[in-house]
């Protein structure tokens, strides 16, 4: 959840500081992809830890 908040704030900052529309769009896409990737890594890590805990 904190990833979503941090990347949303970063996206808003990017839109406010960049003047070029293409750069703004690419920045939003970059942060969206980063949100998905970091959430996937976190999810996979939590599943692995849960699986390891269940085996012990």
N, C-alpha and C. Protein backbone atom coordinates (compact mmCIF):
# COMPACT_ATOMS: atom_id res chain seq x y z
N UNK A 1 0.82 -1.20 0.00
CA UNK A 1 0.00 0.00 0.00
C UNK A 1 0.86 1.26 0.00
N UNK A 2 1.97 1.20 0.74
CA UNK A 2 2.84 2.37 0.78
C UNK A 2 3.47 2.63 -0.59
N UNK A 3 3.71 1.56 -1.38
CA UNK A 3 4.24 1.74 -2.74
C UNK A 3 3.30 2.60 -3.56
N UNK A 4 2.03 2.30 -3.47
CA UNK A 4 1.03 3.04 -4.24
C UNK A 4 1.04 4.52 -3.86
N UNK A 5 1.12 4.80 -2.58
CA UNK A 5 1.13 6.19 -2.11
C UNK A 5 2.39 6.91 -2.59
N UNK A 6 3.54 6.26 -2.43
CA UNK A 6 4.80 6.89 -2.82
C UNK A 6 4.84 7.15 -4.32
N UNK A 7 4.46 6.16 -5.12
CA UNK A 7 4.50 6.34 -6.57
C UNK A 7 3.43 7.31 -7.06
N UNK A 8 2.31 7.41 -6.37
CA UNK A 8 1.30 8.41 -6.74
C UNK A 8 1.83 9.81 -6.49
N UNK A 9 2.45 10.01 -5.35
CA UNK A 9 3.05 11.33 -5.04
C UNK A 9 4.14 11.65 -6.06
N UNK A 10 4.95 10.65 -6.40
CA UNK A 10 6.01 10.87 -7.40
C UNK A 10 5.42 11.22 -8.76
N UNK A 11 4.33 10.58 -9.13
CA UNK A 11 3.68 10.87 -10.41
C UNK A 11 3.14 12.29 -10.44
N UNK A 12 2.52 12.71 -9.36
CA UNK A 12 2.00 14.08 -9.28
C UNK A 12 3.14 15.08 -9.37
N UNK A 13 4.23 14.80 -8.65
CA UNK A 13 5.40 15.68 -8.70
C UNK A 13 5.94 15.75 -10.13
N UNK A 14 6.00 14.60 -10.81
CA UNK A 14 6.53 14.57 -12.18
C UNK A 14 5.68 15.43 -13.10
N UNK A 15 4.36 15.31 -12.99
CA UNK A 15 3.47 16.08 -13.85
C UNK A 15 3.61 17.57 -13.57
N UNK A 16 3.78 17.92 -12.31
CA UNK A 16 3.88 19.35 -11.97
C UNK A 16 5.23 19.97 -12.36
N UNK A 17 6.29 19.17 -12.40
CA UNK A 17 7.61 19.74 -12.70
C UNK A 17 7.97 19.68 -14.17
N UNK A 18 7.39 18.77 -14.93
CA UNK A 18 7.70 18.65 -16.35
C UNK A 18 6.71 19.48 -17.16
N UNK A 19 7.22 20.13 -18.19
CA UNK A 19 6.35 20.97 -19.01
C UNK A 19 5.95 20.28 -20.31
N UNK A 20 6.73 19.32 -20.76
CA UNK A 20 6.45 18.62 -22.00
C UNK A 20 5.43 17.52 -21.76
N UNK A 21 4.38 17.49 -22.57
CA UNK A 21 3.32 16.50 -22.41
C UNK A 21 3.78 15.07 -22.59
N UNK A 22 4.70 14.86 -23.54
CA UNK A 22 5.22 13.50 -23.77
C UNK A 22 6.00 13.04 -22.55
N UNK A 23 6.82 13.91 -22.01
CA UNK A 23 7.59 13.57 -20.81
C UNK A 23 6.67 13.28 -19.63
N UNK A 24 5.60 14.04 -19.51
CA UNK A 24 4.64 13.80 -18.43
C UNK A 24 4.00 12.42 -18.58
N UNK A 25 3.60 12.09 -19.80
CA UNK A 25 2.99 10.79 -20.06
C UNK A 25 3.94 9.64 -19.80
N UNK A 26 5.18 9.79 -20.27
CA UNK A 26 6.18 8.75 -20.04
C UNK A 26 6.49 8.59 -18.55
N UNK A 27 6.52 9.70 -17.84
CA UNK A 27 6.77 9.64 -16.40
C UNK A 27 5.66 8.90 -15.67
N UNK A 28 4.43 9.17 -16.05
CA UNK A 28 3.29 8.47 -15.44
C UNK A 28 3.38 6.97 -15.73
N UNK A 29 3.70 6.62 -16.98
CA UNK A 29 3.84 5.20 -17.34
C UNK A 29 4.99 4.56 -16.57
N UNK A 30 6.10 5.27 -16.44
CA UNK A 30 7.25 4.75 -15.72
C UNK A 30 6.88 4.43 -14.28
N UNK A 31 6.22 5.37 -13.62
CA UNK A 31 5.83 5.15 -12.23
C UNK A 31 4.75 4.08 -12.09
N UNK A 32 3.87 3.97 -13.08
CA UNK A 32 2.86 2.91 -13.06
C UNK A 32 3.51 1.53 -13.16
N UNK A 33 4.47 1.40 -14.06
CA UNK A 33 5.18 0.14 -14.21
C UNK A 33 5.98 -0.17 -12.95
N UNK A 34 6.61 0.83 -12.38
CA UNK A 34 7.37 0.63 -11.14
C UNK A 34 6.46 0.17 -10.01
N UNK A 35 5.26 0.70 -9.94
CA UNK A 35 4.30 0.28 -8.92
C UNK A 35 3.94 -1.19 -9.09
N UNK A 36 3.65 -1.60 -10.31
CA UNK A 36 3.27 -2.98 -10.58
C UNK A 36 4.44 -3.93 -10.27
N UNK A 37 5.63 -3.57 -10.71
CA UNK A 37 6.80 -4.43 -10.49
C UNK A 37 7.12 -4.56 -9.01
N UNK A 38 7.14 -3.44 -8.29
CA UNK A 38 7.47 -3.51 -6.86
C UNK A 38 6.39 -4.26 -6.08
N UNK A 39 5.14 -4.11 -6.47
CA UNK A 39 4.07 -4.86 -5.81
C UNK A 39 4.19 -6.35 -6.09
N UNK A 40 4.56 -6.70 -7.32
CA UNK A 40 4.74 -8.11 -7.68
C UNK A 40 5.89 -8.73 -6.90
N UNK A 41 6.99 -8.01 -6.78
CA UNK A 41 8.14 -8.51 -6.02
C UNK A 41 7.76 -8.71 -4.56
N UNK A 42 7.05 -7.76 -4.00
CA UNK A 42 6.61 -7.87 -2.61
C UNK A 42 5.68 -9.06 -2.43
N UNK A 43 4.73 -9.23 -3.35
CA UNK A 43 3.78 -10.34 -3.27
C UNK A 43 4.49 -11.69 -3.36
N UNK A 44 5.40 -11.81 -4.32
CA UNK A 44 6.14 -13.07 -4.49
C UNK A 44 6.97 -13.37 -3.24
N UNK A 45 7.58 -12.34 -2.68
CA UNK A 45 8.35 -12.53 -1.45
C UNK A 45 7.48 -12.99 -0.29
N UNK A 46 6.33 -12.39 -0.15
CA UNK A 46 5.43 -12.78 0.93
C UNK A 46 4.90 -14.20 0.75
N UNK A 47 4.59 -14.58 -0.49
CA UNK A 47 4.13 -15.94 -0.76
C UNK A 47 5.24 -16.94 -0.44
N UNK A 48 6.48 -16.62 -0.81
CA UNK A 48 7.60 -17.51 -0.53
C UNK A 48 7.81 -17.66 0.98
N UNK A 49 7.71 -16.56 1.71
CA UNK A 49 7.87 -16.63 3.16
C UNK A 49 6.75 -17.44 3.80
N UNK A 50 5.54 -17.26 3.31
CA UNK A 50 4.42 -18.00 3.86
C UNK A 50 4.58 -19.50 3.58
N UNK A 51 5.02 -19.83 2.37
CA UNK A 51 5.22 -21.22 2.01
C UNK A 51 6.33 -21.84 2.86
N UNK A 52 7.39 -21.10 3.09
CA UNK A 52 8.50 -21.58 3.91
C UNK A 52 8.04 -21.78 5.37
N UNK A 53 7.22 -20.90 5.84
CA UNK A 53 6.71 -20.99 7.21
C UNK A 53 5.79 -22.19 7.37
N UNK A 54 4.99 -22.47 6.34
CA UNK A 54 4.06 -23.61 6.38
C UNK A 54 4.82 -24.94 6.38
N UNK A 55 5.97 -24.97 5.72
CA UNK A 55 6.77 -26.19 5.66
C UNK A 55 7.47 -26.48 6.98
N UNK A 56 7.78 -25.45 7.73
CA UNK A 56 8.53 -25.63 8.99
C UNK A 56 7.68 -26.15 10.12
